[in-house]
């Protein structure tokens, strides 16, 4: 194959070098999973927690998943809305859930 063979450490170093260009690319941890954030913005602890919850569900995030953490409705809505605004979460209108494309599991 003529593709580039890059290892995890190579990717992490490359993203670190992009930091000189300002906000945009960075590595975000969601549990044991590493995600590459390619849009400017800051992730709060709530964002990271929601991504971790989605990671444990194959990329699917539901309000009931976040309610089990004791979060009130306002906190859930604010977190999910912010993730949607950043393009990190997609809405599934059929079953009122959300998907994190970066965390799709087969």
PDB file of N, CA and C in Angstrom:
ATOM      1  N   UNK A   1       0.834  -1.175   0.000  1.00  0.00           N
ATOM      2  CA  UNK A   1       0.000   0.000   0.000  1.00  0.00           C
ATOM      3  C   UNK A   1       0.880   1.241   0.000  1.00  0.00           C
ATOM      4  N   UNK A   2       0.410   2.299  -0.622  1.00  0.00           N
ATOM      5  CA  UNK A   2       1.196   3.522  -0.693  1.00  0.00           C
ATOM      6  C   UNK A   2       0.803   4.528   0.390  1.00  0.00           C
ATOM      7  N   UNK A   3      -0.042   4.105   1.346  1.00  0.00           N
ATOM      8  CA  UNK A   3      -0.486   4.996   2.418  1.00  0.00           C
ATOM      9  C   UNK A   3       0.629   5.264   3.415  1.00  0.00           C
ATOM     10  N   UNK A   4       0.413   6.248   4.231  1.00  0.00           N
ATOM     11  CA  UNK A   4       1.371   6.610   5.262  1.00  0.00           C
ATOM     12  C   UNK A   4       1.113   5.750   6.486  1.00  0.00           C
ATOM     13  N   UNK A   5       2.169   5.189   7.034  1.00  0.00           N
ATOM     14  CA  UNK A   5       2.049   4.367   8.224  1.00  0.00           C
ATOM     15  C   UNK A   5       2.440   5.211   9.431  1.00  0.00           C
ATOM     16  N   UNK A   6       1.435   5.778  10.096  1.00  0.00           N
ATOM     17  CA  UNK A   6       1.684   6.625  11.260  1.00  0.00           C
ATOM     18  C   UNK A   6       1.209   5.908  12.511  1.00  0.00           C
ATOM     19  N   UNK A   7       1.977   5.986  13.556  1.00  0.00           N
ATOM     20  CA  UNK A   7       1.599   5.372  14.815  1.00  0.00           C
ATOM     21  C   UNK A   7       0.989   6.422  15.730  1.00  0.00           C
ATOM     22  N   UNK A   8       0.375   5.969  16.809  1.00  0.00           N
ATOM     23  CA  UNK A   8      -0.306   6.847  17.755  1.00  0.00           C
ATOM     24  C   UNK A   8       0.608   7.985  18.220  1.00  0.00           C
ATOM     25  N   UNK A   9       1.817   7.665  18.633  1.00  0.00           N
ATOM     26  CA  UNK A   9       2.762   8.677  19.118  1.00  0.00           C
ATOM     27  C   UNK A   9       3.089   9.711  18.057  1.00  0.00           C
ATOM     28  N   UNK A  10       3.192   9.271  16.804  1.00  0.00           N
ATOM     29  CA  UNK A  10       3.467  10.197  15.702  1.00  0.00           C
ATOM     30  C   UNK A  10       2.330  11.222  15.562  1.00  0.00           C
ATOM     31  N   UNK A  11       1.110  10.731  15.649  1.00  0.00           N
ATOM     32  CA  UNK A  11      -0.059  11.604  15.505  1.00  0.00           C
ATOM     33  C   UNK A  11      -0.114  12.605  16.657  1.00  0.00           C
ATOM     34  N   UNK A  12       0.136  12.134  17.872  1.00  0.00           N
ATOM     35  CA  UNK A  12       0.107  13.012  19.041  1.00  0.00           C
ATOM     36  C   UNK A  12       1.168  14.114  18.914  1.00  0.00           C
ATOM     37  N   UNK A  13       2.364  13.755  18.489  1.00  0.00           N
ATOM     38  CA  UNK A  13       3.431  14.751  18.303  1.00  0.00           C
ATOM     39  C   UNK A  13       3.060  15.761  17.221  1.00  0.00           C
ATOM     40  N   UNK A  14       2.485  15.290  16.125  1.00  0.00           N
ATOM     41  CA  UNK A  14       2.098  16.182  15.024  1.00  0.00           C
ATOM     42  C   UNK A  14       1.033  17.179  15.487  1.00  0.00           C
ATOM     43  N   UNK A  15       0.072  16.706  16.253  1.00  0.00           N
ATOM     44  CA  UNK A  15      -0.975  17.597  16.764  1.00  0.00           C
ATOM     45  C   UNK A  15      -0.362  18.616  17.717  1.00  0.00           C
ATOM     46  N   UNK A  16       0.591  18.191  18.531  1.00  0.00           N
ATOM     47  CA  UNK A  16       1.284  19.113  19.420  1.00  0.00           C
ATOM     48  C   UNK A  16       1.987  20.213  18.655  1.00  0.00           C
ATOM     49  N   UNK A  17       2.565  19.886  17.519  1.00  0.00           N
ATOM     50  CA  UNK A  17       3.265  20.883  16.709  1.00  0.00           C
ATOM     51  C   UNK A  17       2.288  21.885  16.075  1.00  0.00           C
ATOM     52  N   UNK A  18       1.056  21.452  15.842  1.00  0.00           N
ATOM     53  CA  UNK A  18       0.046  22.354  15.274  1.00  0.00           C
ATOM     54  C   UNK A  18      -0.423  23.403  16.280  1.00  0.00           C
ATOM     55  N   UNK A  19      -0.122  23.199  17.548  1.00  0.00           N
ATOM     56  CA  UNK A  19      -0.561  24.132  18.588  1.00  0.00           C
ATOM     57  C   UNK A  19      -0.014  25.542  18.360  1.00  0.00           C
ATOM     58  N   UNK A  20       1.119  25.651  17.691  1.00  0.00           N
ATOM     59  CA  UNK A  20       1.683  26.985  17.433  1.00  0.00           C
ATOM     60  C   UNK A  20       0.774  27.809  16.524  1.00  0.00           C
ATOM     61  N   UNK A  21      -0.138  27.155  15.824  1.00  0.00           N
ATOM     62  CA  UNK A  21      -1.062  27.857  14.936  1.00  0.00           C
ATOM     63  C   UNK A  21      -2.294  28.372  15.665  1.00  0.00           C
ATOM     64  N   UNK A  22      -2.419  28.081  16.949  1.00  0.00           N
ATOM     65  CA  UNK A  22      -3.565  28.545  17.736  1.00  0.00           C
ATOM     66  C   UNK A  22      -4.550  27.430  18.001  1.00  0.00           C
ATOM     67  N   UNK A  23      -5.729  27.833  18.469  1.00  0.00           N
ATOM     68  CA  UNK A  23      -6.775  26.856  18.777  1.00  0.00           C
ATOM     69  C   UNK A  23      -7.169  26.090  17.526  1.00  0.00           C
ATOM     70  N   UNK A  24      -7.617  24.909  17.732  1.00  0.00           N
ATOM     71  CA  UNK A  24      -8.101  24.113  16.613  1.00  0.00           C
ATOM     72  C   UNK A  24      -7.843  22.646  16.836  1.00  0.00           C
ATOM     73  N   UNK A  25      -6.602  22.225  16.723  1.00  0.00           N
ATOM     74  CA  UNK A  25      -6.288  20.812  16.864  1.00  0.00           C
ATOM     75  C   UNK A  25      -5.747  20.517  18.253  1.00  0.00           C
ATOM     76  N   UNK A  26      -6.350  19.527  18.906  1.00  0.00           N
ATOM     77  CA  UNK A  26      -5.810  19.038  20.170  1.00  0.00           C
ATOM     78  C   UNK A  26      -6.372  17.651  20.449  1.00  0.00           C
ATOM     79  N   UNK A  27      -5.732  16.951  21.347  1.00  0.00           N
ATOM     80  CA  UNK A  27      -6.159  15.610  21.733  1.00  0.00           C
ATOM     81  C   UNK A  27      -7.003  15.729  22.994  1.00  0.00           C
ATOM     82  N   UNK A  28      -8.183  15.095  22.960  1.00  0.00           N
ATOM     83  CA  UNK A  28      -9.108  15.106  24.082  1.00  0.00           C
ATOM     84  C   UNK A  28      -9.323  13.666  24.515  1.00  0.00           C
ATOM     85  N   UNK A  29      -9.235  13.409  25.807  1.00  0.00           N
ATOM     86  CA  UNK A  29      -9.458  12.063  26.341  1.00  0.00           C
ATOM     87  C   UNK A  29     -10.933  11.878  26.664  1.00  0.00           C
ATOM     88  N   UNK A  30     -11.481  10.743  26.252  1.00  0.00           N
ATOM     89  CA  UNK A  30     -12.837  10.328  26.612  1.00  0.00           C
ATOM     90  C   UNK A  30     -12.694   8.924  27.177  1.00  0.00           C
ATOM     91  N   UNK A  31     -12.458   8.842  28.462  1.00  0.00           N
ATOM     92  CA  UNK A  31     -12.159   7.549  29.069  1.00  0.00           C
ATOM     93  C   UNK A  31     -10.802   7.084  28.589  1.00  0.00           C
ATOM     94  N   UNK A  32     -10.744   5.888  28.050  1.00  0.00           N
ATOM     95  CA  UNK A  32      -9.485   5.352  27.524  1.00  0.00           C
ATOM     96  C   UNK A  32      -9.264   5.733  26.066  1.00  0.00           C
ATOM     97  N   UNK A  33     -10.271   6.329  25.453  1.00  0.00           N
ATOM     98  CA  UNK A  33     -10.234   6.713  24.041  1.00  0.00           C
ATOM     99  C   UNK A  33      -9.628   8.103  23.887  1.00  0.00           C
ATOM    100  N   UNK A  34      -8.847   8.308  22.850  1.00  0.00           N
ATOM    101  CA  UNK A  34      -8.326   9.636  22.519  1.00  0.00           C
ATOM    102  C   UNK A  34      -9.036  10.133  21.277  1.00  0.00           C
ATOM    103  N   UNK A  35      -9.535  11.370  21.343  1.00  0.00           N
ATOM    104  CA  UNK A  35     -10.205  11.988  20.204  1.00  0.00           C
ATOM    105  C   UNK A  35      -9.384  13.183  19.751  1.00  0.00           C
ATOM    106  N   UNK A  36      -9.396  13.433  18.476  1.00  0.00           N
ATOM    107  CA  UNK A  36      -8.720  14.612  17.945  1.00  0.00           C
ATOM    108  C   UNK A  36      -9.776  15.679  17.723  1.00  0.00           C
ATOM    109  N   UNK A  37      -9.664  16.786  18.453  1.00  0.00           N
ATOM    110  CA  UNK A  37     -10.574  17.912  18.287  1.00  0.00           C
ATOM    111  C   UNK A  37      -9.991  18.798  17.206  1.00  0.00           C
ATOM    112  N   UNK A  38     -10.765  18.996  16.147  1.00  0.00           N
ATOM    113  CA  UNK A  38     -10.258  19.773  15.024  1.00  0.00           C
ATOM    114  C   UNK A  38     -11.039  21.060  14.808  1.00  0.00           C
ATOM    115  N   UNK A  39     -11.827  21.439  15.790  1.00  0.00           N
ATOM    116  CA  UNK A  39     -12.546  22.703  15.714  1.00  0.00           C
ATOM    117  C   UNK A  39     -12.149  23.551  16.910  1.00  0.00           C
ATOM    118  N   UNK A  40     -12.035  24.861  16.725  1.00  0.00           N
ATOM    119  CA  UNK A  40     -11.682  25.712  17.861  1.00  0.00           C
ATOM    120  C   UNK A  40     -12.749  25.638  18.946  1.00  0.00           C
ATOM    121  N   UNK A  41     -12.332  25.674  20.157  1.00  0.00           N
ATOM    122  CA  UNK A  41     -13.267  25.664  21.279  1.00  0.00           C
ATOM    123  C   UNK A  41     -12.663  24.947  22.461  1.00  0.00           C
ATOM    124  N   UNK A  42     -13.288  25.142  23.572  1.00  0.00           N
ATOM    125  CA  UNK A  42     -12.827  24.500  24.792  1.00  0.00           C
ATOM    126  C   UNK A  42     -13.844  23.462  25.218  1.00  0.00           C
ATOM    127  N   UNK A  43     -13.345  22.337  25.673  1.00  0.00           N
ATOM    128  CA  UNK A  43     -14.221  21.317  26.222  1.00  0.00           C
ATOM    129  C   UNK A  43     -14.178  21.403  27.737  1.00  0.00           C
ATOM    130  N   UNK A  44     -15.362  21.462  28.332  1.00  0.00           N
ATOM    131  CA  UNK A  44     -15.455  21.487  29.778  1.00  0.00           C
ATOM    132  C   UNK A  44     -15.413  20.058  30.310  1.00  0.00           C
ATOM    133  N   UNK A  45     -15.373  19.942  31.621  1.00  0.00           N
ATOM    134  CA  UNK A  45     -15.414  18.622  32.229  1.00  0.00           C
ATOM    135  C   UNK A  45     -16.738  17.918  31.890  1.00  0.00           C
ATOM    136  N   UNK A  46     -17.826  18.689  31.789  1.00  0.00           N
ATOM    137  CA  UNK A  46     -19.109  18.103  31.405  1.00  0.00           C
ATOM    138  C   UNK A  46     -19.053  17.538  29.989  1.00  0.00           C
ATOM    139  N   UNK A  47     -18.423  18.260  29.072  1.00  0.00           N
ATOM    140  CA  UNK A  47     -18.280  17.756  27.701  1.00  0.00           C
ATOM    141  C   UNK A  47     -17.510  16.443  27.707  1.00  0.00           C
ATOM    142  N   UNK A  48     -16.395  16.434  28.417  1.00  0.00           N
ATOM    143  CA  UNK A  48     -15.549  15.243  28.465  1.00  0.00           C
ATOM    144  C   UNK A  48     -16.300  14.073  29.084  1.00  0.00           C
ATOM    145  N   UNK A  49     -17.063  14.332  30.129  1.00  0.00           N
ATOM    146  CA  UNK A  49     -17.849  13.279  30.771  1.00  0.00           C
ATOM    147  C   UNK A  49     -18.908  12.735  29.810  1.00  0.00           C
ATOM    148  N   UNK A  50     -19.589  13.622  29.094  1.00  0.00           N
ATOM    149  CA  UNK A  50     -20.605  13.187  28.129  1.00  0.00           C
ATOM    150  C   UNK A  50     -19.977  12.349  27.018  1.00  0.00           C
ATOM    151  N   UNK A  51     -18.791  12.743  26.551  1.00  0.00           N
ATOM    152  CA  UNK A  51     -18.104  11.957  25.520  1.00  0.00           C
ATOM    153  C   UNK A  51     -17.701  10.592  26.055  1.00  0.00           C
ATOM    154  N   UNK A  52     -17.306  10.530  27.314  1.00  0.00           N
ATOM    155  CA  UNK A  52     -16.950   9.252  27.939  1.00  0.00           C
ATOM    156  C   UNK A  52     -18.180   8.350  28.030  1.00  0.00           C
ATOM    157  N   UNK A  53     -19.319   8.915  28.401  1.00  0.00           N
ATOM    158  CA  UNK A  53     -20.571   8.157  28.465  1.00  0.00           C
ATOM    159  C   UNK A  53     -20.923   7.620  27.074  1.00  0.00           C
ATOM    160  N   UNK A  54     -20.788   8.460  26.053  1.00  0.00           N
ATOM    161  CA  UNK A  54     -21.066   8.025  24.678  1.00  0.00           C
ATOM    162  C   UNK A  54     -20.098   6.937  24.240  1.00  0.00           C
ATOM    163  N   UNK A  55     -18.845   7.059  24.630  1.00  0.00           N
ATOM    164  CA  UNK A  55     -17.841   6.072  24.260  1.00  0.00           C
ATOM    165  C   UNK A  55     -18.219   4.694  24.804  1.00  0.00           C
ATOM    166  N   UNK A  56     -18.750   4.653  26.008  1.00  0.00           N
ATOM    167  CA  UNK A  56     -19.142   3.385  26.634  1.00  0.00           C
ATOM    168  C   UNK A  56     -20.376   2.778  25.983  1.00  0.00           C
ATOM    169  N   UNK A  57     -21.080   3.581  25.170  1.00  0.00           N
ATOM    170  CA  UNK A  57     -22.290   3.118  24.486  1.00  0.00           C
ATOM    171  C   UNK A  57     -22.093   3.044  22.978  1.00  0.00           C
ATOM    172  N   UNK A  58     -20.863   2.879  22.535  1.00  0.00           N
ATOM    173  CA  UNK A  58     -20.601   2.741  21.107  1.00  0.00           C
ATOM    174  C   UNK A  58     -20.788   4.016  20.316  1.00  0.00           C
ATOM    175  N   UNK A  59     -20.729   5.159  20.987  1.00  0.00           N
ATOM    176  CA  UNK A  59     -20.874   6.435  20.307  1.00  0.00           C
ATOM    177  C   UNK A  59     -22.238   7.066  20.469  1.00  0.00           C
ATOM    178  N   UNK A  60     -23.170   6.363  21.121  1.00  0.00           N
ATOM    179  CA  UNK A  60     -24.535   6.872  21.301  1.00  0.00           C
ATOM    180  C   UNK A  60     -24.653   7.545  22.668  1.00  0.00           C
ATOM    181  N   UNK A  61     -25.289   8.706  22.668  1.00  0.00           N
ATOM    182  CA  UNK A  61     -25.497   9.464  23.889  1.00  0.00           C
ATOM    183  C   UNK A  61     -26.991   9.715  24.039  1.00  0.00           C
ATOM    184  N   UNK A  62     -27.517   9.399  25.204  1.00  0.00           N
ATOM    185  CA  UNK A  62     -28.937   9.642  25.461  1.00  0.00           C
ATOM    186  C   UNK A  62     -29.087  10.493  26.717  1.00  0.00           C
ATOM    187  N   UNK A  63     -30.210  11.170  26.804  1.00  0.00           N
ATOM    188  CA  UNK A  63     -30.496  11.976  27.976  1.00  0.00           C
ATOM    189  C   UNK A  63     -30.556  11.074  29.205  1.00  0.00           C
ATOM    190  N   UNK A  64     -31.153   9.889  29.059  1.00  0.00           N
ATOM    191  CA  UNK A  64     -31.266   8.988  30.215  1.00  0.00           C
ATOM    192  C   UNK A  64     -29.896   8.547  30.721  1.00  0.00           C
ATOM    193  N   UNK A  65     -28.916   8.386  29.811  1.00  0.00           N
ATOM    194  CA  UNK A  65     -27.553   8.053  30.246  1.00  0.00           C
ATOM    195  C   UNK A  65     -26.996   9.136  31.158  1.00  0.00           C
ATOM    196  N   UNK A  66     -27.227  10.388  30.797  1.00  0.00           N
ATOM    197  CA  UNK A  66     -26.711  11.503  31.583  1.00  0.00           C
ATOM    198  C   UNK A  66     -27.534  11.725  32.851  1.00  0.00           C
ATOM    199  N   UNK A  67     -28.822  11.410  32.813  1.00  0.00           N
ATOM    200  CA  UNK A  67     -29.661  11.537  34.004  1.00  0.00           C
ATOM    201  C   UNK A  67     -29.212  10.572  35.100  1.00  0.00           C
ATOM    202  N   UNK A  68     -28.710   9.411  34.711  1.00  0.00           N
ATOM    203  CA  UNK A  68     -28.249   8.439  35.712  1.00  0.00           C
ATOM    204  C   UNK A  68     -27.039   8.962  36.487  1.00  0.00           C
ATOM    205  N   UNK A  69     -26.413   9.995  35.972  1.00  0.00           N
ATOM    206  CA  UNK A  69     -25.273  10.596  36.650  1.00  0.00           C
ATOM    207  C   UNK A  69     -25.729  11.666  37.642  1.00  0.00           C
ATOM    208  N   UNK A  70     -27.043  11.860  37.735  1.00  0.00           N
ATOM    209  CA  UNK A  70     -27.569  12.854  38.660  1.00  0.00           C
ATOM    210  C   UNK A  70     -27.595  14.264  38.103  1.00  0.00           C
ATOM    211  N   UNK A  71     -27.383  14.392  36.804  1.00  0.00           N
ATOM    212  CA  UNK A  71     -27.379  15.717  36.190  1.00  0.00           C
ATOM    213  C   UNK A  71     -28.813  16.216  36.022  1.00  0.00           C
ATOM    214  N   UNK A  72     -29.068  17.500  36.354  1.00  0.00           N
ATOM    215  CA  UNK A  72     -30.389  18.066  36.080  1.00  0.00           C
ATOM    216  C   UNK A  72     -30.557  18.328  34.577  1.00  0.00           C
ATOM    217  N   UNK A  73     -31.802  18.503  34.174  1.00  0.00           N
ATOM    218  CA  UNK A  73     -32.116  18.679  32.752  1.00  0.00           C
ATOM    219  C   UNK A  73     -31.373  19.860  32.133  1.00  0.00           C
ATOM    220  N   UNK A  74     -31.260  20.967  32.855  1.00  0.00           N
ATOM    221  CA  UNK A  74     -30.578  22.155  32.319  1.00  0.00           C
ATOM    222  C   UNK A  74     -29.113  21.855  32.010  1.00  0.00           C
ATOM    223  N   UNK A  75     -28.444  21.143  32.893  1.00  0.00           N
ATOM    224  CA  UNK A  75     -27.029  20.792  32.680  1.00  0.00           C
ATOM    225  C   UNK A  75     -26.875  19.875  31.478  1.00  0.00           C
ATOM    226  N   UNK A  76     -27.771  18.909  31.346  1.00  0.00           N
ATOM    227  CA  UNK A  76     -27.729  17.985  30.206  1.00  0.00           C
ATOM    228  C   UNK A  76     -27.919  18.752  28.906  1.00  0.00           C
ATOM    229  N   UNK A  77     -28.962  19.596  28.856  1.00  0.00           N
ATOM    230  CA  UNK A  77     -29.249  20.351  27.632  1.00  0.00           C
ATOM    231  C   UNK A  77     -28.105  21.279  27.256  1.00  0.00           C
ATOM    232  N   UNK A  78     -27.532  21.961  28.240  1.00  0.00           N
ATOM    233  CA  UNK A  78     -26.434  22.881  27.974  1.00  0.00           C
ATOM    234  C   UNK A  78     -25.221  22.133  27.412  1.00  0.00           C
ATOM    235  N   UNK A  79     -24.917  20.980  27.993  1.00  0.00           N
ATOM    236  CA  UNK A  79     -23.770  20.192  27.541  1.00  0.00           C
ATOM    237  C   UNK A  79     -23.982  19.661  26.133  1.00  0.00           C
ATOM    238  N   UNK A  80     -25.139  19.065  25.892  1.00  0.00           N
ATOM    239  CA  UNK A  80     -25.422  18.484  24.575  1.00  0.00           C
ATOM    240  C   UNK A  80     -25.512  19.579  23.514  1.00  0.00           C
ATOM    241  N   UNK A  81     -26.173  20.687  23.829  1.00  0.00           N
ATOM    242  CA  UNK A  81     -26.281  21.796  22.869  1.00  0.00           C
ATOM    243  C   UNK A  81     -24.903  22.331  22.488  1.00  0.00           C
ATOM    244  N   UNK A  82     -24.035  22.457  23.476  1.00  0.00           N
ATOM    245  CA  UNK A  82     -22.686  22.952  23.204  1.00  0.00           C
ATOM    246  C   UNK A  82     -21.909  21.978  22.311  1.00  0.00           C
ATOM    247  N   UNK A  83     -22.035  20.686  22.578  1.00  0.00           N
ATOM    248  CA  UNK A  83     -21.363  19.688  21.730  1.00  0.00           C
ATOM    249  C   UNK A  83     -21.917  19.713  20.311  1.00  0.00           C
ATOM    250  N   UNK A  84     -23.229  19.939  20.180  1.00  0.00           N
ATOM    251  CA  UNK A  84     -23.819  20.038  18.836  1.00  0.00           C
ATOM    252  C   UNK A  84     -23.318  21.286  18.122  1.00  0.00           C
ATOM    253  N   UNK A  85     -23.232  22.401  18.841  1.00  0.00           N
ATOM    254  CA  UNK A  85     -22.741  23.642  18.239  1.00  0.00           C
ATOM    255  C   UNK A  85     -21.316  23.488  17.717  1.00  0.00           C
ATOM    256  N   UNK A  86     -20.525  22.659  18.395  1.00  0.00           N
ATOM    257  CA  UNK A  86     -19.143  22.424  17.979  1.00  0.00           C
ATOM    258  C   UNK A  86     -19.039  21.344  16.902  1.00  0.00           C
ATOM    259  N   UNK A  87     -20.173  20.758  16.530  1.00  0.00           N
ATOM    260  CA  UNK A  87     -20.170  19.733  15.492  1.00  0.00           C
ATOM    261  C   UNK A  87     -19.659  18.375  15.960  1.00  0.00           C
ATOM    262  N   UNK A  88     -19.609  18.172  17.260  1.00  0.00           N
ATOM    263  CA  UNK A  88     -19.081  16.917  17.796  1.00  0.00           C
ATOM    264  C   UNK A  88     -20.174  15.874  18.022  1.00  0.00           C
ATOM    265  N   UNK A  89     -21.436  16.316  18.011  1.00  0.00           N
ATOM    266  CA  UNK A  89     -22.566  15.425  18.272  1.00  0.00           C
ATOM    267  C   UNK A  89     -23.611  15.643  17.179  1.00  0.00           C
ATOM    268  N   UNK A  90     -24.178  14.544  16.712  1.00  0.00           N
ATOM    269  CA  UNK A  90     -25.270  14.594  15.743  1.00  0.00           C
ATOM    270  C   UNK A  90     -26.561  14.167  16.424  1.00  0.00           C
ATOM    271  N   UNK A  91     -27.678  14.741  16.003  1.00  0.00           N
ATOM    272  CA  UNK A  91     -28.983  14.401  16.564  1.00  0.00           C
ATOM    273  C   UNK A  91     -29.592  13.252  15.770  1.00  0.00           C
ATOM    274  N   UNK A  92     -30.140  12.272  16.494  1.00  0.00           N
ATOM    275  CA  UNK A  92     -30.913  11.192  15.888  1.00  0.00           C
ATOM    276  C   UNK A  92     -32.365  11.469  16.259  1.00  0.00           C
ATOM    277  N   UNK A  93     -33.109  12.061  15.333  1.00  0.00           N
ATOM    278  CA  UNK A  93     -34.478  12.483  15.625  1.00  0.00           C
ATOM    279  C   UNK A  93     -35.446  11.315  15.747  1.00  0.00           C
ATOM    280  N   UNK A  94     -35.066  10.147  15.264  1.00  0.00           N
ATOM    281  CA  UNK A  94     -35.956   8.985  15.324  1.00  0.00           C
ATOM    282  C   UNK A  94     -36.156   8.529  16.759  1.00  0.00           C
ATOM    283  N   UNK A  95     -35.060   8.445  17.520  1.00  0.00           N
ATOM    284  CA  UNK A  95     -35.203   7.979  18.908  1.00  0.00           C
ATOM    285  C   UNK A  95     -34.721   9.003  19.942  1.00  0.00           C
ATOM    286  N   UNK A  96     -34.657  10.274  19.540  1.00  0.00           N
ATOM    287  CA  UNK A  96     -34.271  11.369  20.447  1.00  0.00           C
ATOM    288  C   UNK A  96     -32.952  11.099  21.164  1.00  0.00           C
ATOM    289  N   UNK A  97     -31.985  10.597  20.425  1.00  0.00           N
ATOM    290  CA  UNK A  97     -30.656  10.375  20.990  1.00  0.00           C
ATOM    291  C   UNK A  97     -29.654  11.200  20.197  1.00  0.00           C
ATOM    292  N   UNK A  98     -28.400  11.067  20.579  1.00  0.00           N
ATOM    293  CA  UNK A  98     -27.319  11.811  19.930  1.00  0.00           C
ATOM    294  C   UNK A  98     -26.203  10.827  19.614  1.00  0.00           C
ATOM    295  N   UNK A  99     -25.453  11.124  18.581  1.00  0.00           N
ATOM    296  CA  UNK A  99     -24.329  10.272  18.190  1.00  0.00           C
ATOM    297  C   UNK A  99     -23.059  11.096  18.098  1.00  0.00           C
ATOM    298  N   UNK A 100     -21.976  10.513  18.549  1.00  0.00           N
ATOM    299  CA  UNK A 100     -20.657  11.127  18.428  1.00  0.00           C
ATOM    300  C   UNK A 100     -19.928  10.361  17.333  1.00  0.00           C
ATOM    301  N   UNK A 101     -19.874  10.923  16.113  1.00  0.00           N
ATOM    302  CA  UNK A 101     -19.289  10.191  14.989  1.00  0.00           C
ATOM    303  C   UNK A 101     -17.878   9.683  15.255  1.00  0.00           C
ATOM    304  N   UNK A 102     -17.092  10.425  16.006  1.00  0.00           N
ATOM    305  CA  UNK A 102     -15.723  10.000  16.295  1.00  0.00           C
ATOM    306  C   UNK A 102     -15.672   8.755  17.149  1.00  0.00           C
ATOM    307  N   UNK A 103     -16.797   8.377  17.750  1.00  0.00           N
ATOM    308  CA  UNK A 103     -16.816   7.227  18.654  1.00  0.00           C
ATOM    309  C   UNK A 103     -17.650   6.069  18.129  1.00  0.00           C
ATOM    310  N   UNK A 104     -18.031   6.118  16.848  1.00  0.00           N
ATOM    311  CA  UNK A 104     -18.805   4.995  16.298  1.00  0.00           C
ATOM    312  C   UNK A 104     -18.009   3.711  16.474  1.00  0.00           C
ATOM    313  N   UNK A 105     -18.675   2.696  16.979  1.00  0.00           N
ATOM    314  CA  UNK A 105     -18.050   1.366  17.102  1.00  0.00           C
ATOM    315  C   UNK A 105     -18.770   0.427  16.163  1.00  0.00           C
ATOM    316  N   UNK A 106     -18.004  -0.448  15.565  1.00  0.00           N
ATOM    317  CA  UNK A 106     -18.658  -1.429  14.671  1.00  0.00           C
ATOM    318  C   UNK A 106     -18.970  -2.694  15.428  1.00  0.00           C
TER     319      UNK A 106
END
